[in-house]
Amino acid sequence: MDGLKPRIVEAIHRQTQATVTILSSLLAVHDELGYMPKEAVEEVAAFKGATINDVWAVASFYPNFR
């Protein structure tokens, strides 16, 4: 699993749109990996200054992240 973290961080930081959101970050990671590992939720939370629960709330709402 250690090889995932650099890919997750890179996907999050590679976003170029003016507004980066929890959803856009989750989509970027999903596009990179093809699924949503727990580590990605933790990294998105840290990047956005949100709680893990807030990120899980967004991720669990959308069927493609389940």
N, C-alpha and C. Protein backbone atom coordinates (compact mmCIF):
# COMPACT_ATOMS: atom_id res chain seq x y z
N MET A 1 0.80 -1.20 0.00
CA MET A 1 0.00 0.00 0.00
C MET A 1 0.85 1.27 0.00
N ASP A 2 2.13 1.18 0.36
CA ASP A 2 2.97 2.37 0.42
C ASP A 2 3.09 3.05 -0.93
N GLY A 3 3.01 2.30 -2.02
CA GLY A 3 3.12 2.88 -3.34
C GLY A 3 1.89 3.71 -3.74
N LEU A 4 0.80 3.56 -3.01
CA LEU A 4 -0.40 4.31 -3.33
C LEU A 4 -0.30 5.78 -2.94
N LYS A 5 0.29 6.06 -1.80
CA LYS A 5 0.30 7.43 -1.29
C LYS A 5 0.88 8.43 -2.28
N PRO A 6 2.03 8.19 -2.89
CA PRO A 6 2.54 9.17 -3.86
C PRO A 6 1.59 9.38 -5.04
N ARG A 7 0.95 8.32 -5.50
CA ARG A 7 0.00 8.46 -6.62
C ARG A 7 -1.22 9.26 -6.20
N ILE A 8 -1.68 9.05 -4.97
CA ILE A 8 -2.84 9.78 -4.46
C ILE A 8 -2.51 11.26 -4.32
N VAL A 9 -1.38 11.55 -3.70
CA VAL A 9 -0.96 12.94 -3.49
C VAL A 9 -0.78 13.64 -4.83
N GLU A 10 -0.14 12.97 -5.78
CA GLU A 10 0.08 13.56 -7.10
C GLU A 10 -1.25 13.85 -7.80
N ALA A 11 -2.19 12.92 -7.72
CA ALA A 11 -3.50 13.13 -8.35
C ALA A 11 -4.23 14.32 -7.75
N ILE A 12 -4.14 14.47 -6.44
CA ILE A 12 -4.80 15.59 -5.77
C ILE A 12 -4.15 16.91 -6.18
N HIS A 13 -2.84 16.95 -6.19
CA HIS A 13 -2.12 18.20 -6.48
C HIS A 13 -2.07 18.54 -7.97
N ARG A 14 -2.39 17.61 -8.83
CA ARG A 14 -2.34 17.83 -10.27
C ARG A 14 -3.57 18.58 -10.79
N GLN A 15 -4.56 18.78 -9.95
CA GLN A 15 -5.79 19.46 -10.37
C GLN A 15 -5.49 20.90 -10.79
N THR A 16 -6.08 21.33 -11.90
CA THR A 16 -5.77 22.65 -12.43
C THR A 16 -6.95 23.62 -12.40
N GLN A 17 -8.13 23.15 -12.03
CA GLN A 17 -9.28 24.05 -12.02
C GLN A 17 -9.13 25.10 -10.92
N ALA A 18 -9.85 26.20 -11.08
CA ALA A 18 -9.74 27.33 -10.14
C ALA A 18 -10.19 26.95 -8.73
N THR A 19 -11.23 26.16 -8.63
CA THR A 19 -11.75 25.75 -7.33
C THR A 19 -11.55 24.25 -7.16
N VAL A 20 -10.77 23.88 -6.18
CA VAL A 20 -10.53 22.46 -5.88
C VAL A 20 -11.40 22.10 -4.68
N THR A 21 -12.25 21.11 -4.85
CA THR A 21 -13.18 20.71 -3.80
C THR A 21 -12.88 19.28 -3.35
N ILE A 22 -13.59 18.86 -2.32
CA ILE A 22 -13.48 17.46 -1.89
C ILE A 22 -13.89 16.55 -3.04
N LEU A 23 -15.00 16.88 -3.69
CA LEU A 23 -15.47 16.04 -4.80
C LEU A 23 -14.47 16.00 -5.94
N SER A 24 -13.93 17.14 -6.33
CA SER A 24 -12.96 17.13 -7.44
C SER A 24 -11.71 16.34 -7.07
N SER A 25 -11.32 16.41 -5.81
CA SER A 25 -10.15 15.65 -5.36
C SER A 25 -10.43 14.15 -5.37
N LEU A 26 -11.62 13.76 -4.93
CA LEU A 26 -11.99 12.35 -4.98
C LEU A 26 -12.05 11.85 -6.42
N LEU A 27 -12.60 12.66 -7.30
CA LEU A 27 -12.66 12.28 -8.72
C LEU A 27 -11.26 12.14 -9.32
N ALA A 28 -10.36 13.04 -8.95
CA ALA A 28 -8.98 12.97 -9.47
C ALA A 28 -8.31 11.67 -9.03
N VAL A 29 -8.50 11.30 -7.77
CA VAL A 29 -7.91 10.06 -7.27
C VAL A 29 -8.56 8.86 -7.95
N HIS A 30 -9.87 8.90 -8.08
CA HIS A 30 -10.59 7.79 -8.72
C HIS A 30 -10.14 7.63 -10.17
N ASP A 31 -9.95 8.73 -10.87
CA ASP A 31 -9.46 8.67 -12.25
C ASP A 31 -8.06 8.05 -12.31
N GLU A 32 -7.23 8.36 -11.34
CA GLU A 32 -5.85 7.85 -11.30
C GLU A 32 -5.81 6.37 -10.96
N LEU A 33 -6.57 5.95 -9.94
CA LEU A 33 -6.46 4.59 -9.42
C LEU A 33 -7.56 3.64 -9.90
N GLY A 34 -8.70 4.20 -10.27
CA GLY A 34 -9.81 3.36 -10.68
C GLY A 34 -10.67 2.87 -9.53
N TYR A 35 -10.34 3.27 -8.33
CA TYR A 35 -11.12 2.94 -7.13
C TYR A 35 -10.76 3.93 -6.04
N MET A 36 -11.44 3.85 -4.89
CA MET A 36 -11.23 4.81 -3.82
C MET A 36 -10.74 4.10 -2.55
N PRO A 37 -9.43 4.00 -2.37
CA PRO A 37 -8.91 3.36 -1.16
C PRO A 37 -9.07 4.28 0.06
N LYS A 38 -9.04 3.68 1.22
CA LYS A 38 -9.15 4.43 2.48
C LYS A 38 -8.07 5.51 2.57
N GLU A 39 -6.88 5.20 2.11
CA GLU A 39 -5.78 6.16 2.16
C GLU A 39 -6.11 7.44 1.39
N ALA A 40 -6.86 7.30 0.32
CA ALA A 40 -7.23 8.47 -0.49
C ALA A 40 -8.15 9.39 0.29
N VAL A 41 -9.10 8.81 1.00
CA VAL A 41 -10.02 9.61 1.80
C VAL A 41 -9.23 10.38 2.86
N GLU A 42 -8.27 9.73 3.47
CA GLU A 42 -7.44 10.38 4.49
C GLU A 42 -6.61 11.51 3.88
N GLU A 43 -6.04 11.28 2.70
CA GLU A 43 -5.22 12.31 2.04
C GLU A 43 -6.06 13.50 1.59
N VAL A 44 -7.24 13.23 1.06
CA VAL A 44 -8.12 14.32 0.64
C VAL A 44 -8.53 15.15 1.86
N ALA A 45 -8.84 14.49 2.96
CA ALA A 45 -9.20 15.21 4.19
C ALA A 45 -8.05 16.12 4.64
N ALA A 46 -6.85 15.59 4.63
CA ALA A 46 -5.69 16.39 5.05
C ALA A 46 -5.46 17.55 4.09
N PHE A 47 -5.58 17.31 2.80
CA PHE A 47 -5.36 18.35 1.79
C PHE A 47 -6.38 19.47 1.90
N LYS A 48 -7.64 19.12 2.13
CA LYS A 48 -8.71 20.11 2.18
C LYS A 48 -8.94 20.68 3.58
N GLY A 49 -8.26 20.15 4.59
CA GLY A 49 -8.48 20.63 5.95
C GLY A 49 -9.85 20.23 6.48
N ALA A 50 -10.33 19.10 6.00
CA ALA A 50 -11.64 18.58 6.39
C ALA A 50 -11.45 17.36 7.28
N THR A 51 -12.53 16.92 7.89
CA THR A 51 -12.45 15.69 8.67
C THR A 51 -12.61 14.50 7.73
N ILE A 52 -12.14 13.36 8.17
CA ILE A 52 -12.32 12.13 7.40
C ILE A 52 -13.81 11.84 7.23
N ASN A 53 -14.59 12.12 8.27
CA ASN A 53 -16.04 11.91 8.17
C ASN A 53 -16.67 12.78 7.09
N ASP A 54 -16.23 14.02 6.96
CA ASP A 54 -16.76 14.90 5.91
C ASP A 54 -16.45 14.33 4.52
N VAL A 55 -15.24 13.83 4.34
CA VAL A 55 -14.86 13.28 3.04
C VAL A 55 -15.63 11.99 2.77
N TRP A 56 -15.78 11.13 3.78
CA TRP A 56 -16.56 9.90 3.61
C TRP A 56 -18.01 10.23 3.27
N ALA A 57 -18.55 11.31 3.84
CA ALA A 57 -19.93 11.70 3.54
C ALA A 57 -20.09 12.01 2.06
N VAL A 58 -19.13 12.72 1.49
CA VAL A 58 -19.17 13.03 0.06
C VAL A 58 -18.98 11.75 -0.75
N ALA A 59 -17.97 10.97 -0.40
CA ALA A 59 -17.66 9.75 -1.16
C ALA A 59 -18.81 8.75 -1.12
N SER A 60 -19.45 8.61 0.02
CA SER A 60 -20.51 7.60 0.13
C SER A 60 -21.80 8.04 -0.57
N PHE A 61 -21.94 9.33 -0.85
CA PHE A 61 -23.13 9.82 -1.54
C PHE A 61 -23.14 9.40 -3.01
N TYR A 62 -21.96 9.33 -3.62
CA TYR A 62 -21.85 9.04 -5.05
C TYR A 62 -21.57 7.55 -5.28
N PRO A 63 -22.40 6.89 -6.09
CA PRO A 63 -22.26 5.44 -6.29
C PRO A 63 -20.91 5.01 -6.88
N ASN A 64 -20.27 5.85 -7.68
CA ASN A 64 -19.01 5.42 -8.29
C ASN A 64 -17.86 5.35 -7.28
N PHE A 65 -18.04 5.86 -6.07
CA PHE A 65 -17.00 5.77 -5.04
C PHE A 65 -17.25 4.63 -4.06
N ARG A 66 -18.39 3.96 -4.16
CA ARG A 66 -18.73 2.91 -3.19
C ARG A 66 -18.04 1.62 -3.51
